[in-house]
Amino acid sequence: MTEHVIERAVEGVLEFRLNRPEKFNALSPAMLHSLAEAVERFAQDSTLRVMLISANGAYFSSGVEVTAEITPPDNGSTLDNRRWFLDTYHRLFDELEYIEKPIVVAHQGDCLGGALELSLSCDFRLAARNAHYRLPEIDFGTLPGSGGVSRLTRIAGPHWARWLVMAGESVTAEEAVTMGFVHRVFDDVVFEREVQAFCRKLASQPREMLAAAKLSIELAQDLDRAQGRQIERLANSMLLSGAEHKAKLQGFLDRQAEKRRQRRNGGEALP
């Protein structure tokens, strides 16, 4: 693992923190390689329920390091190198998107270029009020290269995709919520606390339910309504026979019974 990332696991949450503030947390190949390794560990470790991607410093990330040397193992032509580079990060971002466990990303300050593409691959995007977003590839005469165009269009629609990709405009956290690619904005002073609380809450949810929900939502985007509802029914039929559902249901029934007992003893009417 590179020194430019920090990884820790607490209460079922694996936090992967960018730690290169002197370079605006620009994503080097080594950092992205460490992220790929962390995602693999997250996928395989049953004690880890949620992954959080965050950053130290005033910026989330200025994006993939522009000066990073693109050197695949076979050291082919420049065009081959670039294709290898893009394919490598396409696979990483696809893994973030399709892994069955939820991934949360938390932004403060600027989230630019490849960092925004990475974020669009995650399930939940939380922002401090000072966050800003931009896809600056237009400044270099290129497009976002790791799925950013398709994911942004899918999440925010072609209207706002044109605004960021073609016009290269910067948007605030509040605007990003309106556009649909950020879920919640928190005041800067409570941002870290709120993000951690959200991750703990998510980690407390039934694992099988989260996996089924993520898959159902993903598939529903490419299926017609009847097929989407069929996927829901199939997923729910499996969940209803599972141990986690039975435990949750029994816990609810026990709490309701206890409330009724207390009300009877206190002479209060039942709701």
C-alpha atoms as a PDB file:
ATOM      1  CA  MET A   1       0.000   0.000   0.000  1.00  0.00           C
ATOM      2  CA  THR A   2       1.304   3.475  -0.884  1.00  0.00           C
ATOM      3  CA  GLU A   3       1.897   6.057   1.842  1.00  0.00           C
ATOM      4  CA  HIS A   4      -0.606   8.303   0.072  1.00  0.00           C
ATOM      5  CA  VAL A   5      -3.606   6.328   1.317  1.00  0.00           C
ATOM      6  CA  ILE A   6      -4.800   5.338   4.784  1.00  0.00           C
ATOM      7  CA  GLU A   7      -6.962   2.284   5.340  1.00  0.00           C
ATOM      8  CA  ARG A   8      -8.799   1.263   8.490  1.00  0.00           C
ATOM      9  CA  ALA A   9     -11.736  -0.949   9.420  1.00  0.00           C
ATOM     10  CA  VAL A  10     -14.079  -0.006  12.279  1.00  0.00           C
ATOM     11  CA  GLU A  11     -17.466  -1.542  13.134  1.00  0.00           C
ATOM     12  CA  GLY A  12     -17.872  -3.193   9.758  1.00  0.00           C
ATOM     13  CA  VAL A  13     -16.905  -0.081   7.788  1.00  0.00           C
ATOM     14  CA  LEU A  14     -13.735  -0.152   5.681  1.00  0.00           C
ATOM     15  CA  GLU A  15     -12.499   3.408   5.203  1.00  0.00           C
ATOM     16  CA  PHE A  16     -10.112   4.123   2.345  1.00  0.00           C
ATOM     17  CA  ARG A  17      -8.763   7.654   2.802  1.00  0.00           C
ATOM     18  CA  LEU A  18      -6.765   9.580   0.222  1.00  0.00           C
ATOM     19  CA  ASN A  19      -3.761  11.129   1.963  1.00  0.00           C
ATOM     20  CA  ARG A  20      -1.877  13.289  -0.493  1.00  0.00           C
ATOM     21  CA  PRO A  21      -3.095  16.785   0.420  1.00  0.00           C
ATOM     22  CA  GLU A  22       0.116  18.499  -0.707  1.00  0.00           C
ATOM     23  CA  LYS A  23      -0.800  17.386  -4.261  1.00  0.00           C
ATOM     24  CA  PHE A  24      -4.545  18.044  -3.845  1.00  0.00           C
ATOM     25  CA  ASN A  25      -4.991  14.274  -3.471  1.00  0.00           C
ATOM     26  CA  ALA A  26      -4.261  13.745  -7.169  1.00  0.00           C
ATOM     27  CA  LEU A  27      -4.788  10.072  -7.941  1.00  0.00           C
ATOM     28  CA  SER A  28      -1.496   8.414  -8.832  1.00  0.00           C
ATOM     29  CA  PRO A  29      -1.338   4.928 -10.367  1.00  0.00           C
ATOM     30  CA  ALA A  30      -0.063   3.628  -7.015  1.00  0.00           C
ATOM     31  CA  MET A  31      -3.064   5.099  -5.181  1.00  0.00           C
ATOM     32  CA  LEU A  32      -5.514   3.599  -7.653  1.00  0.00           C
ATOM     33  CA  HIS A  33      -3.726   0.257  -7.406  1.00  0.00           C
ATOM     34  CA  SER A  34      -4.110   0.426  -3.617  1.00  0.00           C
ATOM     35  CA  LEU A  35      -7.799   1.177  -4.087  1.00  0.00           C
ATOM     36  CA  ALA A  36      -8.186  -1.885  -6.316  1.00  0.00           C
ATOM     37  CA  GLU A  37      -6.549  -4.040  -3.625  1.00  0.00           C
ATOM     38  CA  ALA A  38      -8.800  -2.544  -0.947  1.00  0.00           C
ATOM     39  CA  VAL A  39     -11.909  -3.246  -3.020  1.00  0.00           C
ATOM     40  CA  GLU A  40     -10.837  -6.873  -3.391  1.00  0.00           C
ATOM     41  CA  ARG A  41     -10.327  -7.211   0.379  1.00  0.00           C
ATOM     42  CA  PHE A  42     -13.684  -5.564   0.976  1.00  0.00           C
ATOM     43  CA  ALA A  43     -15.405  -8.001  -1.365  1.00  0.00           C
ATOM     44  CA  GLN A  44     -13.872 -11.057   0.281  1.00  0.00           C
ATOM     45  CA  ASP A  45     -14.106 -10.142   3.988  1.00  0.00           C
ATOM     46  CA  SER A  46     -17.543 -11.023   5.360  1.00  0.00           C
ATOM     47  CA  THR A  47     -17.012  -8.825   8.442  1.00  0.00           C
ATOM     48  CA  LEU A  48     -16.857  -5.709   6.265  1.00  0.00           C
ATOM     49  CA  ARG A  49     -20.316  -4.403   5.386  1.00  0.00           C
ATOM     50  CA  VAL A  50     -19.699  -0.910   3.948  1.00  0.00           C
ATOM     51  CA  MET A  51     -16.777   0.813   2.232  1.00  0.00           C
ATOM     52  CA  LEU A  52     -16.153   4.541   2.657  1.00  0.00           C
ATOM     53  CA  ILE A  53     -13.861   6.477   0.316  1.00  0.00           C
ATOM     54  CA  SER A  54     -12.795   9.804   1.818  1.00  0.00           C
ATOM     55  CA  ALA A  55      -9.841  12.194   1.826  1.00  0.00           C
ATOM     56  CA  ASN A  56      -7.583  14.223   4.100  1.00  0.00           C
ATOM     57  CA  GLY A  57      -7.048  17.917   3.486  1.00  0.00           C
ATOM     58  CA  ALA A  58      -9.112  20.680   1.923  1.00  0.00           C
ATOM     59  CA  TYR A  59      -9.707  18.834  -1.374  1.00  0.00           C
ATOM     60  CA  PHE A  60     -11.279  15.474  -2.064  1.00  0.00           C
ATOM     61  CA  SER A  61      -9.189  15.044  -5.218  1.00  0.00           C
ATOM     62  CA  SER A  62      -8.074  16.991  -8.270  1.00  0.00           C
ATOM     63  CA  GLY A  63      -8.466  13.818 -10.342  1.00  0.00           C
ATOM     64  CA  VAL A  64      -6.075  11.370 -11.957  1.00  0.00           C
ATOM     65  CA  GLU A  65      -2.538  12.745 -11.933  1.00  0.00           C
ATOM     66  CA  VAL A  66      -1.959  14.313 -15.364  1.00  0.00           C
ATOM     67  CA  THR A  67       1.813  13.809 -15.226  1.00  0.00           C
ATOM     68  CA  ALA A  68       1.521  10.151 -14.199  1.00  0.00           C
ATOM     69  CA  GLU A  69       3.599   7.889 -16.378  1.00  0.00           C
ATOM     70  CA  ILE A  70       1.422   5.454 -18.302  1.00  0.00           C
ATOM     71  CA  THR A  71       3.472   2.272 -18.428  1.00  0.00           C
ATOM     72  CA  PRO A  72       1.759  -1.089 -18.926  1.00  0.00           C
ATOM     73  CA  PRO A  73       3.690  -4.299 -18.313  1.00  0.00           C
ATOM     74  CA  ASP A  74       4.436  -4.879 -22.015  1.00  0.00           C
ATOM     75  CA  ASN A  75       5.592  -1.269 -22.566  1.00  0.00           C
ATOM     76  CA  GLY A  76       3.831  -1.037 -25.952  1.00  0.00           C
ATOM     77  CA  SER A  77       3.132   1.952 -28.180  1.00  0.00           C
ATOM     78  CA  THR A  78       1.773   5.231 -26.822  1.00  0.00           C
ATOM     79  CA  LEU A  79      -1.709   4.424 -28.138  1.00  0.00           C
ATOM     80  CA  ASP A  80      -1.547   0.933 -26.646  1.00  0.00           C
ATOM     81  CA  ASN A  81      -0.370   2.420 -23.351  1.00  0.00           C
ATOM     82  CA  ARG A  82      -3.301   4.798 -23.184  1.00  0.00           C
ATOM     83  CA  ARG A  83      -5.767   2.055 -24.010  1.00  0.00           C
ATOM     84  CA  TRP A  84      -4.222  -0.095 -21.268  1.00  0.00           C
ATOM     85  CA  PHE A  85      -4.404   2.828 -18.825  1.00  0.00           C
ATOM     86  CA  LEU A  86      -8.064   3.527 -19.575  1.00  0.00           C
ATOM     87  CA  ASP A  87      -9.011  -0.148 -19.544  1.00  0.00           C
ATOM     88  CA  THR A  88      -7.342  -0.616 -16.152  1.00  0.00           C
ATOM     89  CA  TYR A  89      -9.446   2.107 -14.539  1.00  0.00           C
ATOM     90  CA  HIS A  90     -12.592   1.131 -16.404  1.00  0.00           C
ATOM     91  CA  ARG A  91     -12.291  -2.275 -14.717  1.00  0.00           C
ATOM     92  CA  LEU A  92     -11.679  -0.733 -11.291  1.00  0.00           C
ATOM     93  CA  PHE A  93     -14.643   1.631 -11.538  1.00  0.00           C
ATOM     94  CA  ASP A  94     -16.836  -1.184 -12.879  1.00  0.00           C
ATOM     95  CA  GLU A  95     -15.898  -3.265  -9.830  1.00  0.00           C
ATOM     96  CA  LEU A  96     -16.920  -0.388  -7.544  1.00  0.00           C
ATOM     97  CA  GLU A  97     -20.250  -0.220  -9.322  1.00  0.00           C
ATOM     98  CA  TYR A  98     -21.065  -3.927  -9.423  1.00  0.00           C
ATOM     99  CA  ILE A  99     -19.725  -5.219  -6.099  1.00  0.00           C
ATOM    100  CA  GLU A 100     -22.711  -6.397  -4.042  1.00  0.00           C
ATOM    101  CA  LYS A 101     -21.818  -4.361  -0.941  1.00  0.00           C
ATOM    102  CA  PRO A 102     -22.555  -0.614  -0.652  1.00  0.00           C
ATOM    103  CA  ILE A 103     -19.801   1.933  -1.240  1.00  0.00           C
ATOM    104  CA  VAL A 104     -20.037   5.494   0.101  1.00  0.00           C
ATOM    105  CA  VAL A 105     -17.871   8.386  -1.055  1.00  0.00           C
ATOM    106  CA  ALA A 106     -17.522  11.617   0.945  1.00  0.00           C
ATOM    107  CA  HIS A 107     -16.393  14.867  -0.713  1.00  0.00           C
ATOM    108  CA  GLN A 108     -15.042  18.087   0.662  1.00  0.00           C
ATOM    109  CA  GLY A 109     -13.582  20.861  -1.487  1.00  0.00           C
ATOM    110  CA  ASP A 110     -12.901  20.074  -5.127  1.00  0.00           C
ATOM    111  CA  CYS A 111     -13.828  16.748  -6.729  1.00  0.00           C
ATOM    112  CA  LEU A 112     -12.565  16.902 -10.298  1.00  0.00           C
ATOM    113  CA  GLY A 113     -12.132  14.740 -13.374  1.00  0.00           C
ATOM    114  CA  GLY A 114     -11.251  11.140 -12.618  1.00  0.00           C
ATOM    115  CA  ALA A 115     -12.171  11.638  -8.953  1.00  0.00           C
ATOM    116  CA  LEU A 116     -15.716  12.509  -9.993  1.00  0.00           C
ATOM    117  CA  GLU A 117     -15.759   9.517 -12.350  1.00  0.00           C
ATOM    118  CA  LEU A 118     -14.690   7.304  -9.443  1.00  0.00           C
ATOM    119  CA  SER A 119     -17.438   8.807  -7.292  1.00  0.00           C
ATOM    120  CA  LEU A 120     -20.116   8.178  -9.908  1.00  0.00           C
ATOM    121  CA  SER A 121     -19.235   4.477  -9.638  1.00  0.00           C
ATOM    122  CA  CYS A 122     -20.156   4.460  -5.934  1.00  0.00           C
ATOM    123  CA  ASP A 123     -23.599   3.917  -4.435  1.00  0.00           C
ATOM    124  CA  PHE A 124     -23.843   6.948  -2.166  1.00  0.00           C
ATOM    125  CA  ARG A 125     -22.259  10.378  -2.627  1.00  0.00           C
ATOM    126  CA  LEU A 126     -22.210  12.670   0.413  1.00  0.00           C
ATOM    127  CA  ALA A 127     -20.814  16.196   0.328  1.00  0.00           C
ATOM    128  CA  ALA A 128     -19.643  18.962   2.599  1.00  0.00           C
ATOM    129  CA  ARG A 129     -21.217  22.304   1.762  1.00  0.00           C
ATOM    130  CA  ASN A 130     -17.879  23.545   0.397  1.00  0.00           C
ATOM    131  CA  ALA A 131     -17.654  20.792  -2.237  1.00  0.00           C
ATOM    132  CA  HIS A 132     -17.384  21.632  -5.941  1.00  0.00           C
ATOM    133  CA  TYR A 133     -17.496  19.368  -8.984  1.00  0.00           C
ATOM    134  CA  ARG A 134     -16.078  19.676 -12.479  1.00  0.00           C
ATOM    135  CA  LEU A 135     -15.031  17.498 -15.418  1.00  0.00           C
ATOM    136  CA  PRO A 136     -12.057  19.455 -16.831  1.00  0.00           C
ATOM    137  CA  GLU A 137     -11.186  17.041 -19.647  1.00  0.00           C
ATOM    138  CA  ILE A 138     -12.556  19.569 -22.136  1.00  0.00           C
ATOM    139  CA  ASP A 139      -9.521  21.736 -21.292  1.00  0.00           C
ATOM    140  CA  PHE A 140      -7.306  18.992 -22.748  1.00  0.00           C
ATOM    141  CA  GLY A 141      -9.487  18.279 -25.778  1.00  0.00           C
ATOM    142  CA  THR A 142     -10.668  14.892 -24.486  1.00  0.00           C
ATOM    143  CA  LEU A 143     -13.631  13.232 -22.818  1.00  0.00           C
ATOM    144  CA  PRO A 144     -13.772  11.717 -19.335  1.00  0.00           C
ATOM    145  CA  GLY A 145     -12.055   8.407 -19.935  1.00  0.00           C
ATOM    146  CA  SER A 146     -13.295   5.980 -17.286  1.00  0.00           C
ATOM    147  CA  GLY A 147     -17.037   5.789 -17.765  1.00  0.00           C
ATOM    148  CA  GLY A 148     -17.852   9.289 -16.559  1.00  0.00           C
ATOM    149  CA  VAL A 149     -19.942  10.277 -19.573  1.00  0.00           C
ATOM    150  CA  SER A 150     -22.194   7.222 -19.494  1.00  0.00           C
ATOM    151  CA  ARG A 151     -22.561   7.149 -15.700  1.00  0.00           C
ATOM    152  CA  LEU A 152     -23.277  10.874 -15.399  1.00  0.00           C
ATOM    153  CA  THR A 153     -25.840  10.657 -18.203  1.00  0.00           C
ATOM    154  CA  ARG A 154     -27.478   7.694 -16.517  1.00  0.00           C
ATOM    155  CA  ILE A 155     -27.566   9.324 -13.078  1.00  0.00           C
ATOM    156  CA  ALA A 156     -28.200  12.996 -13.858  1.00  0.00           C
ATOM    157  CA  GLY A 157     -29.613  12.758 -17.389  1.00  0.00           C
ATOM    158  CA  PRO A 158     -28.307  14.136 -20.714  1.00  0.00           C
ATOM    159  CA  HIS A 159     -29.357  17.687 -19.804  1.00  0.00           C
ATOM    160  CA  TRP A 160     -26.845  18.009 -16.977  1.00  0.00           C
ATOM    161  CA  ALA A 161     -24.288  15.701 -18.598  1.00  0.00           C
ATOM    162  CA  ARG A 162     -23.971  18.284 -21.392  1.00  0.00           C
ATOM    163  CA  TRP A 163     -23.450  21.000 -18.778  1.00  0.00           C
ATOM    164  CA  LEU A 164     -20.506  19.257 -17.162  1.00  0.00           C
ATOM    165  CA  VAL A 165     -18.971  17.327 -20.077  1.00  0.00           C
ATOM    166  CA  MET A 166     -19.449  19.717 -23.016  1.00  0.00           C
ATOM    167  CA  ALA A 167     -19.477  23.085 -21.252  1.00  0.00           C
ATOM    168  CA  GLY A 168     -17.002  22.064 -18.551  1.00  0.00           C
ATOM    169  CA  GLU A 169     -18.926  24.018 -15.931  1.00  0.00           C
ATOM    170  CA  SER A 170     -18.239  23.787 -12.213  1.00  0.00           C
ATOM    171  CA  VAL A 171     -21.166  23.066  -9.888  1.00  0.00           C
ATOM    172  CA  THR A 172     -21.616  23.401  -6.142  1.00  0.00           C
ATOM    173  CA  ALA A 173     -22.669  20.654  -3.765  1.00  0.00           C
ATOM    174  CA  GLU A 174     -26.202  22.057  -3.576  1.00  0.00           C
ATOM    175  CA  GLU A 175     -26.412  22.172  -7.373  1.00  0.00           C
ATOM    176  CA  ALA A 176     -25.138  18.597  -7.546  1.00  0.00           C
ATOM    177  CA  VAL A 177     -28.012  17.505  -5.295  1.00  0.00           C
ATOM    178  CA  THR A 178     -30.464  19.235  -7.634  1.00  0.00           C
ATOM    179  CA  MET A 179     -28.832  17.498 -10.605  1.00  0.00           C
ATOM    180  CA  GLY A 180     -29.184  14.170  -8.839  1.00  0.00           C
ATOM    181  CA  PHE A 181     -25.602  12.942  -8.486  1.00  0.00           C
ATOM    182  CA  VAL A 182     -25.087  13.905  -4.818  1.00  0.00           C
ATOM    183  CA  HIS A 183     -27.446  12.499  -2.201  1.00  0.00           C
ATOM    184  CA  ARG A 184     -26.946  14.793   0.801  1.00  0.00           C
ATOM    185  CA  VAL A 185     -25.047  17.942   1.730  1.00  0.00           C
ATOM    186  CA  PHE A 186     -23.893  18.608   5.297  1.00  0.00           C
ATOM    187  CA  ASP A 187     -22.465  21.704   6.942  1.00  0.00           C
ATOM    188  CA  ASP A 188     -18.685  21.545   6.972  1.00  0.00           C
ATOM    189  CA  VAL A 189     -18.406  21.431  10.785  1.00  0.00           C
ATOM    190  CA  VAL A 190     -20.558  18.291  11.094  1.00  0.00           C
ATOM    191  CA  PHE A 191     -19.610  16.659   7.788  1.00  0.00           C
ATOM    192  CA  GLU A 192     -17.236  13.987   9.142  1.00  0.00           C
ATOM    193  CA  ARG A 193     -19.583  13.066  11.981  1.00  0.00           C
ATOM    194  CA  GLU A 194     -22.607  12.771   9.692  1.00  0.00           C
ATOM    195  CA  VAL A 195     -20.716  10.648   7.165  1.00  0.00           C
ATOM    196  CA  GLN A 196     -19.537   8.231   9.850  1.00  0.00           C
ATOM    197  CA  ALA A 197     -23.047   7.997  11.311  1.00  0.00           C
ATOM    198  CA  PHE A 198     -24.510   7.241   7.881  1.00  0.00           C
ATOM    199  CA  CYS A 199     -21.956   4.491   7.265  1.00  0.00           C
ATOM    200  CA  ARG A 200     -22.599   2.888  10.657  1.00  0.00           C
ATOM    201  CA  LYS A 201     -26.341   2.954  10.014  1.00  0.00           C
ATOM    202  CA  LEU A 202     -25.850   1.372   6.595  1.00  0.00           C
ATOM    203  CA  ALA A 203     -23.557  -1.293   8.068  1.00  0.00           C
ATOM    204  CA  SER A 204     -26.276  -2.259  10.562  1.00  0.00           C
ATOM    205  CA  GLN A 205     -28.705  -3.207   7.787  1.00  0.00           C
ATOM    206  CA  PRO A 206     -29.141  -6.847   6.692  1.00  0.00           C
ATOM    207  CA  ARG A 207     -26.322  -7.779   4.333  1.00  0.00           C
ATOM    208  CA  GLU A 208     -28.455  -9.914   2.016  1.00  0.00           C
ATOM    209  CA  MET A 209     -31.074  -7.167   1.744  1.00  0.00           C
ATOM    210  CA  LEU A 210     -28.476  -4.574   0.722  1.00  0.00           C
ATOM    211  CA  ALA A 211     -27.018  -6.913  -1.888  1.00  0.00           C
ATOM    212  CA  ALA A 212     -30.443  -7.747  -3.310  1.00  0.00           C
ATOM    213  CA  ALA A 213     -31.462  -4.084  -3.349  1.00  0.00           C
ATOM    214  CA  LYS A 214     -28.290  -3.006  -5.142  1.00  0.00           C
ATOM    215  CA  LEU A 215     -28.677  -5.702  -7.782  1.00  0.00           C
ATOM    216  CA  SER A 216     -32.395  -5.023  -8.263  1.00  0.00           C
ATOM    217  CA  ILE A 217     -31.854  -1.288  -8.680  1.00  0.00           C
ATOM    218  CA  GLU A 218     -29.014  -1.837 -11.150  1.00  0.00           C
ATOM    219  CA  LEU A 219     -30.976  -4.327 -13.247  1.00  0.00           C
ATOM    220  CA  ALA A 220     -34.155  -2.232 -13.180  1.00  0.00           C
ATOM    221  CA  GLN A 221     -32.416   0.497 -15.172  1.00  0.00           C
ATOM    222  CA  ASP A 222     -32.003  -1.818 -18.167  1.00  0.00           C
ATOM    223  CA  LEU A 223     -35.234  -3.841 -17.937  1.00  0.00           C
ATOM    224  CA  ASP A 224     -38.822  -3.004 -18.775  1.00  0.00           C
ATOM    225  CA  ARG A 225     -41.251  -2.467 -15.898  1.00  0.00           C
ATOM    226  CA  ALA A 226     -42.616  -6.013 -15.875  1.00  0.00           C
ATOM    227  CA  GLN A 227     -39.137  -7.537 -15.813  1.00  0.00           C
ATOM    228  CA  GLY A 228     -38.044  -5.133 -13.082  1.00  0.00           C
ATOM    229  CA  ARG A 229     -40.990  -6.109 -10.883  1.00  0.00           C
ATOM    230  CA  GLN A 230     -40.230  -9.779 -11.457  1.00  0.00           C
ATOM    231  CA  ILE A 231     -36.665  -9.243 -10.232  1.00  0.00           C
ATOM    232  CA  GLU A 232     -38.072  -7.548  -7.110  1.00  0.00           C
ATOM    233  CA  ARG A 233     -40.401 -10.468  -6.421  1.00  0.00           C
ATOM    234  CA  LEU A 234     -37.654 -13.040  -6.873  1.00  0.00           C
ATOM    235  CA  ALA A 235     -35.275 -11.115  -4.610  1.00  0.00           C
ATOM    236  CA  ASN A 236     -37.929 -10.598  -1.952  1.00  0.00           C
ATOM    237  CA  SER A 237     -38.962 -14.251  -1.952  1.00  0.00           C
ATOM    238  CA  MET A 238     -35.387 -15.197  -1.075  1.00  0.00           C
ATOM    239  CA  LEU A 239     -35.101 -12.487   1.589  1.00  0.00           C
ATOM    240  CA  LEU A 240     -38.372 -13.487   3.268  1.00  0.00           C
ATOM    241  CA  SER A 241     -37.033 -16.995   3.875  1.00  0.00           C
ATOM    242  CA  GLY A 242     -33.673 -15.787   5.160  1.00  0.00           C
ATOM    243  CA  ALA A 243     -32.374 -15.755   8.731  1.00  0.00           C
ATOM    244  CA  GLU A 244     -31.783 -11.982   8.801  1.00  0.00           C
ATOM    245  CA  HIS A 245     -35.402 -11.213   7.904  1.00  0.00           C
ATOM    246  CA  LYS A 246     -36.700 -13.644  10.527  1.00  0.00           C
ATOM    247  CA  ALA A 247     -34.443 -12.129  13.195  1.00  0.00           C
ATOM    248  CA  LYS A 248     -35.471  -8.567  12.267  1.00  0.00           C
ATOM    249  CA  LEU A 249     -39.161  -9.497  12.265  1.00  0.00           C
ATOM    250  CA  GLN A 250     -38.922 -11.279  15.612  1.00  0.00           C
ATOM    251  CA  GLY A 251     -37.103  -8.306  17.104  1.00  0.00           C
ATOM    252  CA  PHE A 252     -39.864  -5.973  15.904  1.00  0.00           C
ATOM    253  CA  LEU A 253     -42.595  -8.220  17.325  1.00  0.00           C
ATOM    254  CA  ASP A 254     -40.777  -8.492  20.654  1.00  0.00           C
ATOM    255  CA  ARG A 255     -40.447  -4.695  20.909  1.00  0.00           C
ATOM    256  CA  GLN A 256     -44.119  -4.202  20.118  1.00  0.00           C
ATOM    257  CA  ALA A 257     -45.102  -6.768  22.742  1.00  0.00           C
ATOM    258  CA  GLU A 258     -42.921  -5.038  25.331  1.00  0.00           C
ATOM    259  CA  LYS A 259     -44.484  -1.647  24.552  1.00  0.00           C
ATOM    260  CA  ARG A 260     -47.962  -3.089  24.987  1.00  0.00           C
ATOM    261  CA  ARG A 261     -46.970  -4.728  28.268  1.00  0.00           C
ATOM    262  CA  GLN A 262     -45.600  -1.436  29.613  1.00  0.00           C
ATOM    263  CA  ARG A 263     -48.716   0.451  28.559  1.00  0.00           C
ATOM    264  CA  ARG A 264     -50.976  -2.091  30.225  1.00  0.00           C
ATOM    265  CA  ASN A 265     -48.975  -1.867  33.441  1.00  0.00           C
ATOM    266  CA  GLY A 266     -49.105   1.911  33.311  1.00  0.00           C
ATOM    267  CA  GLY A 267     -52.777   2.058  32.498  1.00  0.00           C
ATOM    268  CA  GLU A 268     -52.186   3.708  29.129  1.00  0.00           C
ATOM    269  CA  ALA A 269     -54.375   2.990  26.129  1.00  0.00           C
ATOM    270  CA  LEU A 270     -52.875   1.106  23.232  1.00  0.00           C
ATOM    271  CA  PRO A 271     -52.303   3.105  20.031  1.00  0.00           C
END
